[in-house]
Amino acid sequence: MLMNLIDIIVETTQALVANPQDAEACKKRAFALSEMGQYKEALEDLNTLIDTLNVQDDANLYSLRGAIRMKLEDKKGALDDMRKAMQLNPELLRLLGGHFTSDTPKS
């Protein structure tokens, strides 16, 4: 599995060098980096996807970014991302077991 993740990171990095606007390559690399525990690097790719490449309709991106922010102890950022993910895909609330709700008080 580790080699597959490394291969994905190498391939997607090459694709992004050739085309920095390749959202699919950026997304694949973010997921692979996250799986390898390289959270800061994965967060950079997710921020690029959401903020720069304007991929703002993918609940999975916000959900992953929220989980990474939680691991990096950015609780407010994590909660904001999970709220956005649930707005985009209300089914996530059931999948998350109610850990985040749209009426959770803001901190």
Protein backbone atom coordinates (compact mmCIF):
# COMPACT_ATOMS: atom_id res chain seq x y z
CA MET A 1 0.00 0.00 0.00
CA LEU A 2 2.81 2.40 0.87
CA MET A 3 4.37 2.03 -2.58
CA ASN A 4 1.00 2.70 -4.19
CA LEU A 5 0.66 5.91 -2.18
CA ILE A 6 4.18 6.97 -3.07
CA ASP A 7 3.51 6.20 -6.73
CA ILE A 8 0.33 8.29 -6.60
CA ILE A 9 2.20 11.20 -5.02
CA VAL A 10 5.00 11.03 -7.60
CA GLU A 11 2.58 10.77 -10.54
CA THR A 12 0.29 13.53 -9.35
CA THR A 13 3.22 15.82 -8.52
CA GLN A 14 4.50 15.36 -12.08
CA ALA A 15 1.03 16.11 -13.43
CA LEU A 16 0.84 19.27 -11.30
CA VAL A 17 4.26 20.44 -12.50
CA ALA A 18 2.98 20.08 -16.07
CA ASN A 19 -0.38 21.66 -15.25
CA PRO A 20 -0.80 23.43 -11.88
CA GLN A 21 -4.55 23.75 -12.59
CA ASP A 22 -5.08 19.95 -12.65
CA ALA A 23 -7.69 19.68 -9.89
CA GLU A 24 -8.00 15.89 -10.16
CA ALA A 25 -4.25 15.39 -9.67
CA CYS A 26 -4.27 17.80 -6.74
CA LYS A 27 -7.19 15.93 -5.17
CA LYS A 28 -5.54 12.52 -5.58
CA ARG A 29 -2.31 13.82 -4.10
CA ALA A 30 -4.12 15.36 -1.12
CA PHE A 31 -5.82 12.06 -0.33
CA ALA A 32 -2.54 10.11 -0.69
CA LEU A 33 -0.62 12.58 1.47
CA SER A 34 -3.31 12.34 4.12
CA GLU A 35 -3.15 8.55 4.09
CA MET A 36 0.61 8.79 4.65
CA GLY A 37 0.14 11.12 7.61
CA GLN A 38 1.61 14.12 5.80
CA TYR A 39 -1.19 16.35 7.02
CA LYS A 40 0.35 19.78 6.45
CA GLU A 41 1.15 18.93 2.83
CA ALA A 42 -2.32 17.45 2.30
CA LEU A 43 -3.86 20.58 3.83
CA GLU A 44 -1.91 22.74 1.37
CA ASP A 45 -3.34 20.75 -1.55
CA LEU A 46 -6.87 20.92 -0.15
CA ASN A 47 -6.55 24.67 0.37
CA THR A 48 -5.35 24.99 -3.23
CA LEU A 49 -8.31 22.96 -4.47
CA ILE A 50 -10.91 24.88 -2.49
CA ASP A 51 -9.48 28.39 -2.46
CA THR A 52 -7.45 28.67 -5.67
CA LEU A 53 -8.94 26.15 -8.09
CA ASN A 54 -12.46 26.91 -6.78
CA VAL A 55 -13.51 23.28 -6.28
CA GLN A 56 -16.12 24.31 -3.73
CA ASP A 57 -18.89 21.79 -4.38
CA ASP A 58 -17.16 18.61 -3.17
CA ALA A 59 -18.25 17.62 0.32
CA ASN A 60 -15.46 15.04 0.52
CA LEU A 61 -12.82 17.76 0.21
CA TYR A 62 -14.32 19.75 3.08
CA SER A 63 -14.75 16.62 5.15
CA LEU A 64 -11.12 15.56 4.64
CA ARG A 65 -9.86 19.09 5.28
CA GLY A 66 -11.94 19.19 8.46
CA ALA A 67 -10.48 15.88 9.65
CA ILE A 68 -6.95 17.08 8.91
CA ARG A 69 -7.54 20.39 10.65
CA MET A 70 -8.75 18.46 13.70
CA LYS A 71 -5.54 16.39 13.67
CA LEU A 72 -3.59 19.64 13.47
CA GLU A 73 -5.63 21.02 16.39
CA ASP A 74 -7.45 23.68 14.37
CA LYS A 75 -10.84 22.96 15.93
CA LYS A 76 -12.62 26.03 14.59
CA GLY A 77 -11.38 25.39 11.05
CA ALA A 78 -12.36 21.73 11.39
CA LEU A 79 -15.86 22.62 12.52
CA ASP A 80 -16.29 25.17 9.74
CA ASP A 81 -15.24 22.60 7.13
CA MET A 82 -17.50 19.90 8.55
CA ARG A 83 -20.44 22.30 8.51
CA LYS A 84 -19.73 23.10 4.86
CA ALA A 85 -19.40 19.40 4.03
CA MET A 86 -22.79 18.71 5.63
CA GLN A 87 -24.38 21.60 3.74
CA LEU A 88 -23.13 20.07 0.51
CA ASN A 89 -24.05 16.51 1.53
CA PRO A 90 -26.51 16.22 4.46
CA GLU A 91 -26.00 12.42 4.44
CA LEU A 92 -22.61 13.03 6.05
CA LEU A 93 -24.32 13.85 9.34
CA ARG A 94 -25.65 10.30 9.55
CA LEU A 95 -22.27 8.86 8.53
CA LEU A 96 -20.48 10.93 11.16
CA GLY A 97 -22.86 9.68 13.82
CA GLY A 98 -24.00 13.16 14.80
CA HIS A 99 -20.56 14.32 15.97
CA PHE A 100 -21.03 17.59 14.10
CA THR A 101 -24.35 19.31 13.67
CA SER A 102 -25.40 22.44 11.87
CA ASP A 103 -26.60 23.93 15.18
CA THR A 104 -23.37 23.24 17.11
CA PRO A 105 -22.47 26.51 18.83
CA LYS A 106 -19.65 28.46 17.24
CA SER A 107 -16.56 28.87 19.34
